[in-house]
Amino acid sequence: MTNWEELQWRGLIKDVAGEGIEDLINNKSITFYWGTDPTADSLHLGHYSSLITAKRLMKMGHKPILLCGGATGRIGDPRPTAEREIITIEELNKNIECIRKQIDKIFDGQALLVNNYDWFKGYEYLDFLRDIGKYINVNYMLDKDIIDRRLETGITYAEFSYMLIQGYDFLNLYRKHNCIMQVEGSDQWGNITTGIDLIRKIENKEAYAFTMPLILDTAGNKFGKSEGNALWLDLNKTTSYELYQYLINTDDNLVEHYLKVFTFLTPEEIMDVVERHNKEPHLRIGQKALAKCIITDLHGEEEYKKAEMMSNALFSEDITKLSSDDILNNFKDMEKVSLKEELPLEDVLVSSGICGSKREARELISGNAISLNNQKITDNMHLVTKKDAIDNKVYLIKKGKKKYYLGIFE
């Protein structure tokens, strides 16, 4: 299987520009770039689906440039429905530094990191119109899908100009670094082809590109903060445990696709995992392989082992192996209840709102449906005390099969 054939097999090729791109990918060592705007202080799993393709190309022998849009981020890429919120310059610069650190870590310091503000900050507006604007016809811009979709609701001049600015990024990187290919998500196709046209018209040279299909979640939504389902690459925003839980619950129908997109497992290894997974789907072999590959690549083996341990402790093993800090940091989205004094279990369940009445509490306790730190409690007068809490502070309270609460002594 050639490099290009593997990219196709993994489902990473949607749109293609440039005759002979397959030969370049298979037989040459070329410089390419991928870019993002610093709209938040962390990248998310949607970005990672593109970044891992760039990293895959690097492993194939190609040279990556990763662009963080200090210039384009001041305007905002046109969204399908409305203009993006403008963030302050201070916030923008802070986001750039955070993202640069994440990218540098993912690529082990082997990618060239650039900021397009560096070549726009001294570029006079009239000079830009004369040098670049005259080469792109307005009718050409209006014909782009993202612009066409916004015409009825309205689009600002700043948003309309975005593709010209991104197109110049490609031209500038071509001139300075012999960057001849751009790789992005499929929603960037119009911006990419603008850059290719500028290189062809101004430099009389051929440039190349391919886009990747947008990766969707189980509900059919793309990963991203605008969709409200962001899984951040920053450990302080999304812990390894939270990422593990999301991945371990991946729909069976998506496992093979995600393994192809998000991992460096070979095609043979992936098909072996899929075959074993399909034989015993209840063991979640595919989901576990996916979680191990992604978390290890992003955060290292220790974070993966920690996430696995947290999950095992929560659902099957002894949760007292964990510290109260581990529990509070990794289960931060779990509903919390305050424990202010030592009380019988039935009173704790009622006073915390876990149960609506003592009768309900007694029925659940006698029905073996209440656990404290994964230990079933059948005595409704069992005393909930600090000395039995983890670090004298935390109880994991389980109601039924799936409802969890964090009981915290104040």
Protein backbone atom coordinates (compact mmCIF):
# COMPACT_ATOMS: atom_id res chain seq x y z
CA MET A 1 0.00 0.00 0.00
CA THR A 2 1.50 3.38 -1.03
CA ASN A 3 1.35 6.46 1.18
CA TRP A 4 -1.50 7.87 -0.91
CA GLU A 5 -3.38 4.59 -0.87
CA GLU A 6 -3.08 4.44 2.90
CA LEU A 7 -4.46 7.99 3.25
CA GLN A 8 -7.40 6.95 1.08
CA TRP A 9 -7.88 3.70 3.00
CA ARG A 10 -8.05 5.67 6.22
CA GLY A 11 -10.74 7.93 4.74
CA LEU A 12 -8.56 11.05 4.93
CA ILE A 13 -8.96 12.32 1.36
CA LYS A 14 -12.01 14.32 0.25
CA ASP A 15 -11.10 17.12 -2.17
CA VAL A 16 -7.85 17.13 -4.17
CA ALA A 17 -6.10 19.91 -6.10
CA GLY A 18 -3.01 19.56 -8.28
CA GLU A 19 -2.19 16.98 -10.90
CA GLY A 20 0.41 14.49 -9.71
CA ILE A 21 -0.21 14.97 -5.98
CA GLU A 22 -0.16 11.19 -5.50
CA ASP A 23 3.39 10.97 -6.83
CA LEU A 24 4.51 13.81 -4.53
CA ILE A 25 3.05 12.10 -1.46
CA ASN A 26 4.46 8.71 -2.43
CA ASN A 27 7.91 9.56 -3.74
CA LYS A 28 9.02 13.07 -2.73
CA SER A 29 9.77 15.00 0.44
CA ILE A 30 7.71 18.17 0.29
CA THR A 31 6.80 21.01 2.62
CA PHE A 32 3.12 21.42 3.48
CA TYR A 33 1.09 23.43 5.95
CA TRP A 34 -1.98 23.25 8.15
CA GLY A 35 -3.44 26.25 9.95
CA THR A 36 -5.92 27.21 12.63
CA ASP A 37 -7.14 30.43 14.19
CA PRO A 38 -6.59 30.94 17.95
CA THR A 39 -10.25 31.26 18.92
CA ALA A 40 -9.66 29.49 22.27
CA ASP A 41 -6.73 28.79 24.57
CA SER A 42 -6.71 25.14 23.57
CA LEU A 43 -7.18 22.99 20.51
CA HIS A 44 -9.80 20.24 20.64
CA LEU A 45 -10.37 16.75 19.26
CA GLY A 46 -11.68 18.18 15.98
CA HIS A 47 -8.31 19.87 15.44
CA TYR A 48 -6.52 16.69 16.44
CA SER A 49 -8.12 14.75 13.58
CA SER A 50 -6.33 17.16 11.21
CA LEU A 51 -3.14 17.40 13.24
CA ILE A 52 -2.69 13.64 13.31
CA THR A 53 -2.96 13.61 9.51
CA ALA A 54 -0.22 16.25 9.39
CA LYS A 55 1.82 14.16 11.81
CA ARG A 56 1.19 11.11 9.61
CA LEU A 57 2.56 13.02 6.61
CA MET A 58 5.59 13.99 8.69
CA LYS A 59 6.20 10.32 9.49
CA MET A 60 6.01 9.67 5.73
CA GLY A 61 8.96 12.05 5.26
CA HIS A 62 7.24 15.37 4.54
CA LYS A 63 7.97 18.66 6.32
CA PRO A 64 5.11 20.26 8.28
CA ILE A 65 4.47 23.95 8.87
CA LEU A 66 1.81 24.64 11.49
CA LEU A 67 0.27 28.09 11.22
CA CYS A 68 -1.54 29.83 14.07
CA GLY A 69 -3.58 32.72 12.70
CA GLY A 70 -2.70 35.84 14.65
CA ALA A 71 -3.92 37.86 11.64
CA THR A 72 -6.87 35.78 10.45
CA GLY A 73 -7.94 35.27 14.07
CA ARG A 74 -8.58 39.02 14.32
CA ILE A 75 -11.27 38.69 11.65
CA GLY A 76 -12.67 35.19 11.96
CA ASP A 77 -13.38 32.60 9.32
CA PRO A 78 -16.95 32.96 8.00
CA ARG A 79 -19.30 30.54 9.73
CA PRO A 80 -22.27 29.04 7.84
CA THR A 81 -24.84 30.91 9.94
CA ALA A 82 -23.38 34.01 11.63
CA GLU A 83 -20.28 36.12 12.15
CA ARG A 84 -17.77 34.86 14.69
CA GLU A 85 -17.40 36.71 17.97
CA ILE A 86 -14.40 39.04 17.94
CA ILE A 87 -12.01 38.46 20.84
CA THR A 88 -9.57 40.95 22.31
CA ILE A 89 -5.99 41.15 21.03
CA GLU A 90 -4.73 40.23 24.50
CA GLU A 91 -6.86 37.09 24.56
CA LEU A 92 -5.83 36.27 21.00
CA ASN A 93 -2.12 36.47 21.85
CA LYS A 94 -2.62 34.36 24.98
CA ASN A 95 -4.43 31.74 22.92
CA ILE A 96 -1.60 31.67 20.37
CA GLU A 97 0.99 30.88 23.02
CA CYS A 98 -1.14 28.10 24.50
CA ILE A 99 -1.79 26.54 21.09
CA ARG A 100 1.84 26.79 20.02
CA LYS A 101 2.87 24.79 23.10
CA GLN A 102 0.28 22.10 22.33
CA ILE A 103 1.35 21.80 18.70
CA ASP A 104 5.02 21.69 19.63
CA LYS A 105 4.33 18.85 22.07
CA ILE A 106 2.25 16.84 19.59
CA PHE A 107 4.95 17.12 16.91
CA ASP A 108 7.85 16.56 19.30
CA GLY A 109 9.31 19.93 18.28
CA GLN A 110 9.76 18.78 14.68
CA ALA A 111 7.26 21.12 13.01
CA LEU A 112 7.92 24.72 11.99
CA LEU A 113 5.48 26.95 13.89
CA VAL A 114 4.47 30.25 12.28
CA ASN A 115 2.07 33.13 12.96
CA ASN A 116 0.57 34.90 9.93
CA TYR A 117 0.46 38.20 11.83
CA ASP A 118 4.23 38.30 11.36
CA TRP A 119 3.85 38.98 7.62
CA PHE A 120 0.65 41.03 7.80
CA LYS A 121 1.53 43.51 10.55
CA GLY A 122 3.62 45.70 8.24
CA TYR A 123 1.64 45.17 5.05
CA GLU A 124 -0.08 48.40 3.97
CA TYR A 125 -3.72 47.97 3.00
CA LEU A 126 -3.37 49.66 -0.38
CA ASP A 127 -0.27 47.62 -1.16
CA PHE A 128 -2.16 44.42 -0.34
CA LEU A 129 -5.02 45.40 -2.67
CA ARG A 130 -2.58 46.27 -5.45
CA ASP A 131 -0.33 43.22 -4.99
CA ILE A 132 -2.94 40.56 -4.18
CA GLY A 133 -6.50 41.83 -4.44
CA LYS A 134 -6.34 42.53 -8.17
CA TYR A 135 -5.73 38.83 -8.92
CA ILE A 136 -8.97 37.52 -7.38
CA ASN A 137 -12.27 38.29 -9.09
CA VAL A 138 -15.25 39.13 -6.87
CA ASN A 139 -17.45 36.76 -8.88
CA TYR A 140 -14.95 34.00 -8.07
CA MET A 141 -15.30 34.81 -4.35
CA LEU A 142 -19.10 34.95 -4.51
CA ASP A 143 -19.14 31.50 -6.05
CA LYS A 144 -17.50 29.92 -2.99
CA ASP A 145 -19.95 27.80 -1.04
CA ILE A 146 -19.46 29.41 2.38
CA ILE A 147 -19.91 32.92 0.92
CA ASP A 148 -22.94 31.90 -1.13
CA ARG A 149 -24.65 30.47 1.95
CA ARG A 150 -24.20 33.74 3.85
CA LEU A 151 -25.44 36.13 1.18
CA GLU A 152 -29.09 35.89 2.19
CA THR A 153 -28.45 36.55 5.88
CA GLY A 154 -25.59 38.97 5.23
CA ILE A 155 -21.82 38.82 5.46
CA THR A 156 -19.43 41.57 6.58
CA TYR A 157 -16.64 42.86 4.38
CA ALA A 158 -14.10 41.58 6.92
CA GLU A 159 -15.44 38.02 6.67
CA PHE A 160 -15.68 38.30 2.90
CA SER A 161 -11.98 39.24 2.77
CA TYR A 162 -10.91 36.25 4.86
CA MET A 163 -10.29 33.93 1.92
CA LEU A 164 -7.99 36.51 0.30
CA ILE A 165 -5.94 36.77 3.49
CA GLN A 166 -5.66 32.99 3.89
CA GLY A 167 -4.86 32.69 0.21
CA TYR A 168 -1.93 35.06 0.74
CA ASP A 169 -0.73 32.87 3.62
CA PHE A 170 -0.23 30.03 1.14
CA LEU A 171 1.54 32.32 -1.33
CA ASN A 172 3.83 33.69 1.38
CA LEU A 173 4.73 30.24 2.69
CA TYR A 174 5.39 29.13 -0.88
CA ARG A 175 7.79 32.02 -1.37
CA LYS A 176 9.61 31.75 1.96
CA HIS A 177 9.64 28.00 2.62
CA ASN A 178 8.86 26.36 -0.73
CA CYS A 179 5.61 25.14 0.82
CA ILE A 180 3.73 23.58 -2.09
CA MET A 181 0.80 21.85 -0.38
CA GLN A 182 -1.95 22.75 2.07
CA VAL A 183 -3.86 20.18 4.14
CA GLU A 184 -7.07 21.19 5.93
CA GLY A 185 -10.59 20.11 6.81
CA SER A 186 -13.06 20.14 3.94
CA ASP A 187 -14.74 23.34 5.19
CA GLN A 188 -11.58 25.23 4.12
CA TRP A 189 -11.71 24.25 0.44
CA GLY A 190 -12.64 27.72 -0.83
CA ASN A 191 -9.80 29.36 1.09
CA ILE A 192 -7.31 26.72 -0.06
CA THR A 193 -8.12 27.08 -3.76
CA THR A 194 -7.75 30.86 -3.46
CA GLY A 195 -4.15 30.35 -2.35
CA ILE A 196 -3.51 27.89 -5.18
CA ASP A 197 -4.86 30.41 -7.69
CA LEU A 198 -2.62 33.18 -6.32
CA ILE A 199 0.46 30.97 -6.62
CA ARG A 200 -0.48 30.04 -10.17
CA LYS A 201 -1.27 33.61 -11.28
CA ILE A 202 1.56 35.44 -9.52
CA GLU A 203 4.36 32.86 -9.44
CA ASN A 204 3.26 30.83 -12.46
CA LYS A 205 3.78 27.69 -10.36
CA GLU A 206 1.69 24.66 -9.44
CA ALA A 207 0.52 24.16 -5.86
CA TYR A 208 -1.32 21.25 -4.31
CA ALA A 209 -3.84 20.50 -1.61
CA PHE A 210 -6.15 17.92 -0.21
CA THR A 211 -8.91 18.21 2.35
CA MET A 212 -10.06 15.72 4.95
CA PRO A 213 -13.72 14.92 5.61
CA LEU A 214 -14.94 16.53 8.82
CA ILE A 215 -15.02 14.01 11.67
CA LEU A 216 -18.48 13.67 13.20
CA ASP A 217 -19.62 12.37 16.56
CA THR A 218 -22.36 9.82 17.19
CA ALA A 219 -25.05 12.50 16.80
CA GLY A 220 -23.66 13.57 13.42
CA ASN A 221 -22.14 16.83 14.71
CA LYS A 222 -18.58 17.91 14.03
CA PHE A 223 -16.23 18.18 16.99
CA GLY A 224 -15.78 21.77 18.06
CA LYS A 225 -16.55 24.37 20.66
CA SER A 226 -19.24 25.99 18.51
CA GLU A 227 -21.08 22.65 18.56
CA GLY A 228 -20.93 22.55 22.37
CA ASN A 229 -19.16 19.18 22.44
CA ALA A 230 -15.51 20.20 22.60
CA LEU A 231 -13.04 17.71 24.00
CA TRP A 232 -10.06 19.93 24.73
CA LEU A 233 -6.45 18.86 24.30
CA ASP A 234 -5.53 20.86 27.42
CA LEU A 235 -5.47 18.52 30.44
CA ASN A 236 -6.78 21.33 32.63
CA LYS A 237 -9.88 21.67 30.46
CA THR A 238 -10.51 18.01 29.59
CA THR A 239 -8.78 15.47 31.81
CA SER A 240 -7.40 12.23 30.42
CA TYR A 241 -10.12 10.43 32.35
CA GLU A 242 -12.85 12.50 30.69
CA LEU A 243 -11.32 11.87 27.28
CA TYR A 244 -11.04 8.17 28.11
CA GLN A 245 -14.70 8.01 29.10
CA TYR A 246 -15.77 9.67 25.87
CA LEU A 247 -13.67 7.35 23.72
CA ILE A 248 -14.56 4.18 25.62
CA ASN A 249 -18.22 4.98 24.93
CA THR A 250 -17.71 5.48 21.18
CA ASP A 251 -20.51 3.93 19.15
CA ASP A 252 -19.52 0.53 17.74
CA ASN A 253 -20.36 1.77 14.25
CA LEU A 254 -17.68 4.48 14.52
CA VAL A 255 -14.85 2.46 16.07
CA GLU A 256 -13.21 1.31 12.84
CA HIS A 257 -13.46 4.78 11.29
CA TYR A 258 -11.94 6.46 14.35
CA LEU A 259 -9.13 3.89 14.56
CA LYS A 260 -8.21 4.70 10.95
CA VAL A 261 -8.33 8.46 11.46
CA PHE A 262 -6.95 8.92 14.98
CA THR A 263 -4.28 6.24 15.40
CA PHE A 264 -0.92 5.22 14.01
CA LEU A 265 -1.82 1.55 14.16
CA THR A 266 -1.01 -0.14 10.86
CA PRO A 267 -3.87 -1.27 8.60
CA GLU A 268 -3.14 -4.86 9.64
CA GLU A 269 -3.25 -3.95 13.33
CA ILE A 270 -6.50 -2.01 12.88
CA MET A 271 -8.24 -4.86 11.08
CA ASP A 272 -7.07 -7.28 13.77
CA VAL A 273 -8.54 -5.03 16.48
CA VAL A 274 -11.79 -4.64 14.50
CA GLU A 275 -12.09 -8.40 13.98
CA ARG A 276 -11.60 -9.12 17.69
CA HIS A 277 -13.95 -6.28 18.61
CA ASN A 278 -16.73 -7.54 16.34
CA LYS A 279 -16.51 -11.01 17.88
CA GLU A 280 -16.93 -9.68 21.42
CA PRO A 281 -18.23 -6.08 21.21
CA HIS A 282 -19.18 -6.08 24.90
CA LEU A 283 -15.46 -6.12 25.77
CA ARG A 284 -14.98 -2.79 23.94
CA ILE A 285 -11.66 -3.93 22.48
CA GLY A 286 -11.83 -1.31 19.73
CA GLN A 287 -12.75 1.54 22.06
CA LYS A 288 -9.94 0.62 24.46
CA ALA A 289 -7.39 0.56 21.64
CA LEU A 290 -8.66 3.95 20.45
CA ALA A 291 -8.42 5.50 23.91
CA LYS A 292 -4.93 4.12 24.48
CA CYS A 293 -3.60 5.43 21.16
CA ILE A 294 -5.08 8.93 21.41
CA ILE A 295 -4.35 9.62 25.08
CA THR A 296 -0.81 8.22 24.85
CA ASP A 297 -0.03 10.32 21.78
CA LEU A 298 -1.46 13.47 23.32
CA HIS A 299 -0.44 13.19 26.95
CA GLY A 300 1.89 10.22 27.37
CA GLU A 301 1.62 6.69 28.67
CA GLU A 302 1.37 7.68 32.34
CA GLU A 303 -1.72 9.80 31.70
CA TYR A 304 -3.30 6.91 29.79
CA LYS A 305 -2.62 4.49 32.66
CA LYS A 306 -4.04 7.02 35.10
CA ALA A 307 -7.20 7.44 33.02
CA GLU A 308 -7.63 3.68 32.75
CA MET A 309 -7.12 3.28 36.47
CA MET A 310 -9.67 6.02 37.21
CA SER A 311 -12.22 4.31 35.00
CA ASN A 312 -11.59 0.87 36.50
CA ALA A 313 -11.78 2.29 40.01
CA LEU A 314 -15.07 4.00 39.28
CA PHE A 315 -16.82 1.05 37.70
CA SER A 316 -15.28 -2.13 39.08
CA GLU A 317 -12.25 -1.89 41.33
CA ASP A 318 -11.39 -0.29 44.66
CA ILE A 319 -11.92 3.45 44.44
CA THR A 320 -9.99 3.94 47.68
CA LYS A 321 -6.82 3.51 45.58
CA LEU A 322 -7.46 7.07 44.41
CA SER A 323 -6.80 10.27 46.31
CA SER A 324 -9.49 12.86 46.96
CA ASP A 325 -7.66 15.22 44.56
CA ASP A 326 -7.74 12.57 41.81
CA ILE A 327 -11.46 12.16 42.32
CA LEU A 328 -12.29 15.87 42.50
CA ASN A 329 -10.12 16.77 39.48
CA ASN A 330 -11.22 13.94 37.23
CA PHE A 331 -14.87 13.66 38.23
CA LYS A 332 -15.41 17.41 38.23
CA ASP A 333 -18.57 17.17 36.12
CA MET A 334 -20.18 14.70 38.51
CA GLU A 335 -23.03 16.13 40.58
CA LYS A 336 -21.76 17.14 44.01
CA VAL A 337 -23.55 17.03 47.36
CA SER A 338 -22.38 18.57 50.60
CA LEU A 339 -21.85 16.44 53.72
CA LYS A 340 -21.76 18.70 56.74
CA GLU A 341 -22.03 16.23 59.61
CA GLU A 342 -22.00 12.54 60.34
CA LEU A 343 -25.47 11.13 59.63
CA PRO A 344 -27.22 7.82 58.98
CA LEU A 345 -27.18 6.94 55.30
CA GLU A 346 -30.93 7.43 54.81
CA ASP A 347 -30.66 10.97 56.21
CA VAL A 348 -27.68 11.74 53.95
CA LEU A 349 -29.65 10.62 50.87
CA VAL A 350 -32.63 12.79 51.78
CA SER A 351 -30.79 15.90 53.01
CA SER A 352 -28.60 15.92 49.89
CA GLY A 353 -31.56 15.58 47.54
CA ILE A 354 -30.41 12.23 46.17
CA CYS A 355 -33.72 10.77 47.38
CA GLY A 356 -37.00 12.59 47.74
CA SER A 357 -38.06 10.91 50.97
CA LYS A 358 -36.87 8.54 53.68
CA ARG A 359 -39.18 5.90 52.28
CA GLU A 360 -37.47 6.07 48.88
CA ALA A 361 -34.06 6.01 50.59
CA ARG A 362 -34.94 2.91 52.62
CA GLU A 363 -36.33 1.11 49.57
CA LEU A 364 -33.16 1.78 47.56
CA ILE A 365 -30.88 0.78 50.43
CA SER A 366 -32.76 -2.46 51.15
CA GLY A 367 -32.90 -3.14 47.41
CA ASN A 368 -29.09 -3.13 47.19
CA ALA A 369 -29.15 0.00 45.00
CA ILE A 370 -26.91 2.31 47.06
CA SER A 371 -23.11 2.15 47.22
CA LEU A 372 -20.56 4.22 49.12
CA ASN A 373 -17.12 4.17 47.51
CA ASN A 374 -18.22 1.15 45.46
CA GLN A 375 -19.31 -0.80 48.56
CA LYS A 376 -22.96 -1.86 48.69
CA ILE A 377 -24.71 -0.63 51.85
CA THR A 378 -27.87 -2.43 52.99
CA ASP A 379 -28.28 -0.87 56.44
CA ASN A 380 -30.27 2.36 56.25
CA MET A 381 -28.82 3.46 59.62
CA HIS A 382 -25.22 3.00 58.43
CA LEU A 383 -23.32 6.02 59.71
CA VAL A 384 -21.62 8.11 57.02
CA THR A 385 -18.49 9.44 58.72
CA LYS A 386 -15.37 11.33 57.79
CA LYS A 387 -13.09 8.53 58.94
CA ASP A 388 -14.47 6.23 56.21
CA ALA A 389 -14.28 8.90 53.51
CA ILE A 390 -11.35 9.04 51.09
CA ASP A 391 -8.76 11.33 52.70
CA ASN A 392 -11.46 12.07 55.31
CA LYS A 393 -13.17 14.16 52.68
CA VAL A 394 -14.87 12.42 49.74
CA TYR A 395 -17.49 9.73 49.18
CA LEU A 396 -18.52 8.39 45.80
CA ILE A 397 -22.22 7.73 46.16
CA LYS A 398 -23.83 5.47 43.56
CA LYS A 399 -27.60 5.29 43.12
CA GLY A 400 -28.83 2.46 40.91
CA LYS A 401 -26.63 1.41 38.01
CA LYS A 402 -25.56 4.69 36.46
CA LYS A 403 -26.23 7.66 38.73
CA TYR A 404 -23.17 8.95 40.60
CA TYR A 405 -22.72 11.75 43.12
CA LEU A 406 -19.67 13.14 44.89
CA GLY A 407 -20.34 13.56 48.60
CA ILE A 408 -17.87 16.06 50.01
CA PHE A 409 -17.39 16.84 53.69
CA GLU A 410 -17.06 20.59 54.11
